[in-house]
Amino acid sequence: MTLNNEPFTSIYPSFQLNLQSSILQGEANANAHSIINHQLSTKVLNLWTHALNVYCKAWWIEIFTEQPKCTYYFGPFAGAQEAEVASIGFVEDLEAESAQGIKIKIDRHCQPDLLTIQHD
């Protein structure tokens, strides 16, 4: 269906307007429900990840670089697959900053005290 700016004639203009209004309200309600569902599932996932982290069962990404000589920690993540997917972006960022000798380790452990460690 295409919309144009030309006037149209209908014997039921108010019905057509109400129908269009109803459709728009339905779409707005569907979008609102989608946003609420996303926010709720994000909060539940955050609570779950926090609980895992408290008991040292959360997944963390450790990235080691030779140049500069650093260890970076990213997390926590609820699962290994989630951490693995996220690690791609972190590696890309480090490569964009000219880091060299990048090695990745994904495992479960407690949150580290420092998220970036420079080895002198």
Protein backbone atom coordinates (compact mmCIF):
# COMPACT_ATOMS: atom_id res chain seq x y z
CA MET A 1 0.00 0.00 0.00
CA THR A 2 1.43 3.35 -0.97
CA LEU A 3 0.49 6.64 0.54
CA ASN A 4 0.23 9.81 -1.48
CA ASN A 5 -0.78 13.35 -0.76
CA GLU A 6 -3.73 13.36 -3.15
CA PRO A 7 -7.14 13.80 -1.52
CA PHE A 8 -9.35 10.76 -1.61
CA THR A 9 -13.06 10.40 -1.38
CA SER A 10 -14.75 7.74 0.61
CA ILE A 11 -18.26 7.22 1.81
CA TYR A 12 -16.77 6.02 5.13
CA PRO A 13 -14.00 8.52 5.93
CA SER A 14 -14.41 8.28 9.70
CA PHE A 15 -14.32 4.47 9.57
CA GLN A 16 -11.13 4.61 7.54
CA LEU A 17 -9.54 7.07 9.97
CA ASN A 18 -10.51 4.97 12.97
CA LEU A 19 -9.13 1.86 11.32
CA GLN A 20 -5.83 3.60 10.56
CA SER A 21 -5.71 4.97 14.11
CA SER A 22 -6.44 1.51 15.52
CA ILE A 23 -3.68 -0.04 13.41
CA LEU A 24 -1.19 2.61 14.56
CA GLN A 25 -2.19 2.08 18.20
CA GLY A 26 -1.80 -1.68 17.75
CA GLU A 27 1.69 -1.20 16.32
CA ALA A 28 2.60 1.16 19.16
CA ASN A 29 1.34 -1.37 21.72
CA ALA A 30 3.29 -4.18 20.03
CA ASN A 31 6.43 -2.03 20.04
CA ALA A 32 5.90 -1.11 23.70
CA HIS A 33 5.45 -4.78 24.63
CA SER A 34 8.58 -5.68 22.69
CA ILE A 35 10.60 -3.01 24.49
CA ILE A 36 9.27 -4.08 27.90
CA ASN A 37 10.04 -7.75 27.16
CA HIS A 38 13.57 -6.84 26.06
CA GLN A 39 14.15 -4.74 29.19
CA LEU A 40 12.82 -7.52 31.43
CA SER A 41 14.93 -10.23 29.82
CA THR A 42 17.99 -7.97 30.03
CA LYS A 43 17.39 -7.44 33.76
CA VAL A 44 16.92 -11.17 34.35
CA LEU A 45 20.11 -11.94 32.42
CA ASN A 46 21.98 -9.26 34.40
CA LEU A 47 20.78 -10.76 37.69
CA TRP A 48 21.78 -14.25 36.54
CA THR A 49 25.21 -13.04 35.41
CA HIS A 50 25.70 -11.19 38.70
CA ALA A 51 24.81 -14.34 40.66
CA LEU A 52 27.25 -16.38 38.56
CA ASN A 53 29.94 -13.79 39.14
CA VAL A 54 29.41 -13.81 42.91
CA TYR A 55 29.98 -17.59 42.97
CA CYS A 56 32.93 -17.38 40.53
CA LYS A 57 30.96 -19.24 37.85
CA ALA A 58 30.69 -16.39 35.34
CA TRP A 59 32.63 -16.50 32.10
CA TRP A 60 35.40 -13.99 31.54
CA ILE A 61 37.52 -13.15 28.52
CA GLU A 62 41.23 -12.74 29.17
CA ILE A 63 43.15 -11.12 26.35
CA PHE A 64 46.93 -11.05 26.48
CA THR A 65 48.94 -8.78 24.20
CA GLU A 66 52.69 -8.85 23.62
CA GLN A 67 52.87 -5.25 22.46
CA PRO A 68 51.89 -3.47 24.61
CA LYS A 69 52.49 -6.12 27.23
CA CYS A 70 49.05 -6.18 28.89
CA THR A 71 46.29 -8.43 30.13
CA TYR A 72 42.70 -7.28 29.60
CA TYR A 73 39.63 -8.79 31.26
CA PHE A 74 36.15 -8.48 29.80
CA GLY A 75 33.01 -9.80 31.42
CA PRO A 76 31.16 -11.19 33.15
CA PHE A 77 29.20 -13.33 30.69
CA ALA A 78 26.51 -15.91 31.43
CA GLY A 79 27.89 -18.38 28.90
CA ALA A 80 31.03 -19.31 27.00
CA GLN A 81 29.40 -18.78 23.61
CA GLU A 82 28.30 -15.26 24.56
CA ALA A 83 31.86 -14.48 25.67
CA GLU A 84 33.31 -15.96 22.49
CA VAL A 85 31.08 -13.80 20.28
CA ALA A 86 31.90 -10.68 22.32
CA SER A 87 35.64 -11.39 22.15
CA ILE A 88 35.63 -10.74 18.39
CA GLY A 89 34.83 -7.06 18.93
CA PHE A 90 37.39 -6.68 21.71
CA VAL A 91 40.13 -8.18 19.52
CA GLU A 92 39.12 -5.90 16.63
CA ASP A 93 39.40 -2.87 18.94
CA LEU A 94 42.86 -3.93 20.13
CA GLU A 95 44.01 -4.55 16.55
CA ALA A 96 42.75 -1.08 15.59
CA GLU A 97 44.96 0.27 18.38
CA SER A 98 47.94 -1.61 16.86
CA ALA A 99 48.21 -4.23 19.61
CA GLN A 100 50.32 -7.23 18.60
CA GLY A 101 50.68 -10.83 19.75
CA ILE A 102 47.05 -11.14 20.83
CA LYS A 103 46.03 -14.32 22.66
CA ILE A 104 42.56 -15.06 24.02
CA LYS A 105 41.46 -17.25 26.90
CA ILE A 106 37.83 -17.72 27.89
CA ASP A 107 37.09 -19.39 31.21
CA ARG A 108 35.10 -19.24 34.41
CA HIS A 109 36.47 -17.38 37.40
CA CYS A 110 35.77 -14.56 39.83
CA GLN A 111 35.88 -10.97 38.75
CA PRO A 112 39.49 -9.79 38.68
CA ASP A 113 40.53 -6.88 40.89
CA LEU A 114 41.87 -5.00 37.87
CA LEU A 115 40.38 -5.16 34.37
CA THR A 116 43.58 -3.97 32.67
CA ILE A 117 47.04 -4.98 33.83
CA GLN A 118 50.16 -3.48 32.26
CA HIS A 119 53.18 -5.74 32.60
CA ASP A 120 56.40 -3.74 32.81
